[in-house]
Amino acid sequence: MNDHISADDFAGLWADARGLYFAQGFPPYASPAWQQLHPDDPARLAAALDAAEKWRKYGDEEGLLQWFMDALGRGYRPEGRPAAVLAELRKPQPPHQLQATPGWPPIRIPGGRGRYLTYDEGRAAA
């Protein structure tokens, strides 16, 4: 196992793999469609594994929904920014202009049919 995979990641990967092994397209756990499945149907177990994994990742669903309701009731905005500031941030920005710098290798120009932007000492001083 790689050092960069944590135990939580491993548990999630295992649950996802087992859920897909048992069934695909299963109904949500404890839903009316889930309750109508035969007790031995693999989709029941897949849905239970999926629900357990979501609980492990996100915790109490009712608590999460309550947090969303509280946040919306307080006029929550990401990072506390007003709506006008967020609207300004959503406006299209001009494309970034590539600029070669000393010490860096040539930059391939996207869509430039193999052309590269290179640093030119004389052009930089001008």
C-alpha atoms as a PDB file:
ATOM      1  CA  MET A   1       0.000   0.000   0.000  1.00  0.00           C
ATOM      2  CA  ASN A   2       1.293   3.461  -0.843  1.00  0.00           C
ATOM      3  CA  ASP A   3       2.289   5.837   1.935  1.00  0.00           C
ATOM      4  CA  HIS A   4      -0.056   8.541   0.606  1.00  0.00           C
ATOM      5  CA  ILE A   5      -3.213   6.425   1.063  1.00  0.00           C
ATOM      6  CA  SER A   6      -4.650   6.866   4.534  1.00  0.00           C
ATOM      7  CA  ALA A   7      -6.701   4.319   6.439  1.00  0.00           C
ATOM      8  CA  ASP A   8      -9.822   6.417   5.804  1.00  0.00           C
ATOM      9  CA  ASP A   9      -9.136   6.382   2.063  1.00  0.00           C
ATOM     10  CA  PHE A  10      -8.671   2.626   2.164  1.00  0.00           C
ATOM     11  CA  ALA A  11     -11.965   2.135   4.008  1.00  0.00           C
ATOM     12  CA  GLY A  12     -13.789   4.291   1.482  1.00  0.00           C
ATOM     13  CA  LEU A  13     -12.242   2.492  -1.484  1.00  0.00           C
ATOM     14  CA  TRP A  14     -13.170  -0.863   0.037  1.00  0.00           C
ATOM     15  CA  ALA A  15     -16.788   0.202   0.647  1.00  0.00           C
ATOM     16  CA  ASP A  16     -17.121   1.595  -2.879  1.00  0.00           C
ATOM     17  CA  ALA A  17     -15.672  -1.567  -4.426  1.00  0.00           C
ATOM     18  CA  ARG A  18     -17.884  -3.878  -2.367  1.00  0.00           C
ATOM     19  CA  GLY A  19     -20.982  -1.805  -3.107  1.00  0.00           C
ATOM     20  CA  LEU A  20     -20.310  -1.938  -6.841  1.00  0.00           C
ATOM     21  CA  TYR A  21     -19.548  -5.656  -6.604  1.00  0.00           C
ATOM     22  CA  PHE A  22     -22.907  -6.398  -5.009  1.00  0.00           C
ATOM     23  CA  ALA A  23     -25.084  -4.173  -7.180  1.00  0.00           C
ATOM     24  CA  GLN A  24     -25.163  -1.090  -9.353  1.00  0.00           C
ATOM     25  CA  GLY A  25     -28.013   1.383  -9.474  1.00  0.00           C
ATOM     26  CA  PHE A  26     -29.369   0.391  -6.068  1.00  0.00           C
ATOM     27  CA  PRO A  27     -32.071   2.477  -4.356  1.00  0.00           C
ATOM     28  CA  PRO A  28     -31.164   4.698  -1.384  1.00  0.00           C
ATOM     29  CA  TYR A  29     -30.934   2.899   1.945  1.00  0.00           C
ATOM     30  CA  ALA A  30     -34.284   2.608   3.809  1.00  0.00           C
ATOM     31  CA  SER A  31     -36.208   4.222   0.931  1.00  0.00           C
ATOM     32  CA  PRO A  32     -39.558   2.678  -0.098  1.00  0.00           C
ATOM     33  CA  ALA A  33     -37.860   1.070  -3.118  1.00  0.00           C
ATOM     34  CA  TRP A  34     -35.161  -0.387  -0.841  1.00  0.00           C
ATOM     35  CA  GLN A  35     -37.791  -1.766   1.544  1.00  0.00           C
ATOM     36  CA  GLN A  36     -39.531  -3.567  -1.333  1.00  0.00           C
ATOM     37  CA  LEU A  37     -36.365  -5.488  -2.264  1.00  0.00           C
ATOM     38  CA  HIS A  38     -36.114  -9.146  -1.267  1.00  0.00           C
ATOM     39  CA  PRO A  39     -34.091  -9.548   1.969  1.00  0.00           C
ATOM     40  CA  ASP A  40     -31.399 -11.513   0.088  1.00  0.00           C
ATOM     41  CA  ASP A  41     -31.114  -9.001  -2.774  1.00  0.00           C
ATOM     42  CA  PRO A  42     -27.481  -7.786  -3.078  1.00  0.00           C
ATOM     43  CA  ALA A  43     -28.787  -4.269  -3.758  1.00  0.00           C
ATOM     44  CA  ARG A  44     -29.927  -4.062  -0.107  1.00  0.00           C
ATOM     45  CA  LEU A  45     -26.396  -4.676   1.132  1.00  0.00           C
ATOM     46  CA  ALA A  46     -24.920  -2.302  -1.449  1.00  0.00           C
ATOM     47  CA  ALA A  47     -27.284   0.456  -0.281  1.00  0.00           C
ATOM     48  CA  ALA A  48     -26.405  -0.218   3.367  1.00  0.00           C
ATOM     49  CA  LEU A  49     -22.672  -0.029   2.583  1.00  0.00           C
ATOM     50  CA  ASP A  50     -23.240   3.194   0.669  1.00  0.00           C
ATOM     51  CA  ALA A  51     -25.172   4.721   3.583  1.00  0.00           C
ATOM     52  CA  ALA A  52     -22.502   3.627   6.087  1.00  0.00           C
ATOM     53  CA  GLU A  53     -19.759   5.174   3.957  1.00  0.00           C
ATOM     54  CA  LYS A  54     -21.668   8.447   3.658  1.00  0.00           C
ATOM     55  CA  TRP A  55     -22.153   8.465   7.436  1.00  0.00           C
ATOM     56  CA  ARG A  56     -18.413   7.895   7.925  1.00  0.00           C
ATOM     57  CA  LYS A  57     -17.568  10.743   5.573  1.00  0.00           C
ATOM     58  CA  TYR A  58     -20.266  13.288   6.357  1.00  0.00           C
ATOM     59  CA  GLY A  59     -21.811  12.322   9.681  1.00  0.00           C
ATOM     60  CA  ASP A  60     -25.407  12.843  10.649  1.00  0.00           C
ATOM     61  CA  GLU A  61     -27.528  13.721   7.598  1.00  0.00           C
ATOM     62  CA  GLU A  62     -30.142  15.520   9.670  1.00  0.00           C
ATOM     63  CA  GLY A  63     -27.418  17.547  11.366  1.00  0.00           C
ATOM     64  CA  LEU A  64     -25.935  18.445   7.991  1.00  0.00           C
ATOM     65  CA  LEU A  65     -29.316  19.521   6.645  1.00  0.00           C
ATOM     66  CA  GLN A  66     -29.903  21.612   9.769  1.00  0.00           C
ATOM     67  CA  TRP A  67     -26.513  23.284   9.279  1.00  0.00           C
ATOM     68  CA  PHE A  68     -27.500  24.187   5.696  1.00  0.00           C
ATOM     69  CA  MET A  69     -30.816  25.608   6.874  1.00  0.00           C
ATOM     70  CA  ASP A  70     -29.117  27.645   9.602  1.00  0.00           C
ATOM     71  CA  ALA A  71     -26.518  28.918   7.156  1.00  0.00           C
ATOM     72  CA  LEU A  72     -29.160  29.948   4.613  1.00  0.00           C
ATOM     73  CA  GLY A  73     -31.218  31.632   7.334  1.00  0.00           C
ATOM     74  CA  ARG A  74     -28.238  33.772   8.364  1.00  0.00           C
ATOM     75  CA  GLY A  75     -27.628  34.900   4.771  1.00  0.00           C
ATOM     76  CA  TYR A  76     -24.402  32.902   4.648  1.00  0.00           C
ATOM     77  CA  ARG A  77     -22.043  33.662   1.806  1.00  0.00           C
ATOM     78  CA  PRO A  78     -18.776  31.824   1.099  1.00  0.00           C
ATOM     79  CA  GLU A  79     -15.967  33.503   3.033  1.00  0.00           C
ATOM     80  CA  GLY A  80     -18.464  36.105   4.252  1.00  0.00           C
ATOM     81  CA  ARG A  81     -18.362  38.006   0.952  1.00  0.00           C
ATOM     82  CA  PRO A  82     -21.404  40.066  -0.059  1.00  0.00           C
ATOM     83  CA  ALA A  83     -23.430  38.988  -3.103  1.00  0.00           C
ATOM     84  CA  ALA A  84     -22.172  41.957  -5.155  1.00  0.00           C
ATOM     85  CA  VAL A  85     -18.545  40.924  -4.618  1.00  0.00           C
ATOM     86  CA  LEU A  86     -19.336  37.326  -5.591  1.00  0.00           C
ATOM     87  CA  ALA A  87     -21.138  38.538  -8.735  1.00  0.00           C
ATOM     88  CA  GLU A  88     -18.066  40.576  -9.675  1.00  0.00           C
ATOM     89  CA  LEU A  89     -15.831  37.542  -9.205  1.00  0.00           C
ATOM     90  CA  ARG A  90     -18.049  35.479 -11.540  1.00  0.00           C
ATOM     91  CA  LYS A  91     -17.512  37.869 -14.461  1.00  0.00           C
ATOM     92  CA  PRO A  92     -15.205  36.540 -17.198  1.00  0.00           C
ATOM     93  CA  GLN A  93     -11.585  37.549 -16.814  1.00  0.00           C
ATOM     94  CA  PRO A  94      -9.197  38.320 -19.686  1.00  0.00           C
ATOM     95  CA  PRO A  95      -6.981  35.380 -20.636  1.00  0.00           C
ATOM     96  CA  HIS A  96      -3.614  35.106 -18.936  1.00  0.00           C
ATOM     97  CA  GLN A  97      -0.749  36.347 -21.106  1.00  0.00           C
ATOM     98  CA  LEU A  98       2.148  33.914 -21.194  1.00  0.00           C
ATOM     99  CA  GLN A  99       5.486  35.477 -20.449  1.00  0.00           C
ATOM    100  CA  ALA A 100       8.821  33.693 -20.583  1.00  0.00           C
ATOM    101  CA  THR A 101      11.140  34.380 -17.661  1.00  0.00           C
ATOM    102  CA  PRO A 102      14.891  33.873 -17.213  1.00  0.00           C
ATOM    103  CA  GLY A 103      15.911  30.428 -16.047  1.00  0.00           C
ATOM    104  CA  TRP A 104      12.733  28.677 -17.174  1.00  0.00           C
ATOM    105  CA  PRO A 105      12.532  26.373 -20.185  1.00  0.00           C
ATOM    106  CA  PRO A 106      10.580  27.398 -23.294  1.00  0.00           C
ATOM    107  CA  ILE A 107       6.777  27.431 -22.908  1.00  0.00           C
ATOM    108  CA  ARG A 108       4.711  25.609 -25.546  1.00  0.00           C
ATOM    109  CA  ILE A 109       1.977  27.921 -26.797  1.00  0.00           C
ATOM    110  CA  PRO A 110      -1.442  26.203 -26.545  1.00  0.00           C
ATOM    111  CA  GLY A 111      -2.938  25.892 -30.033  1.00  0.00           C
ATOM    112  CA  GLY A 112       0.290  27.306 -31.472  1.00  0.00           C
ATOM    113  CA  ARG A 113       1.090  24.300 -33.682  1.00  0.00           C
ATOM    114  CA  GLY A 114       4.369  23.485 -31.994  1.00  0.00           C
ATOM    115  CA  ARG A 115       5.500  27.087 -31.369  1.00  0.00           C
ATOM    116  CA  TYR A 116       7.291  27.926 -28.146  1.00  0.00           C
ATOM    117  CA  LEU A 117       7.672  31.128 -26.169  1.00  0.00           C
ATOM    118  CA  THR A 118      11.281  31.604 -25.128  1.00  0.00           C
ATOM    119  CA  TYR A 119      13.001  34.204 -23.007  1.00  0.00           C
ATOM    120  CA  ASP A 120      14.948  36.757 -25.006  1.00  0.00           C
ATOM    121  CA  GLU A 121      17.409  38.878 -22.991  1.00  0.00           C
ATOM    122  CA  GLY A 122      17.301  41.762 -25.511  1.00  0.00           C
ATOM    123  CA  ARG A 123      13.523  41.873 -25.677  1.00  0.00           C
ATOM    124  CA  ALA A 124      13.228  41.903 -21.868  1.00  0.00           C
ATOM    125  CA  ALA A 125      15.471  44.977 -21.578  1.00  0.00           C
ATOM    126  CA  ALA A 126      13.575  46.909 -24.265  1.00  0.00           C
END
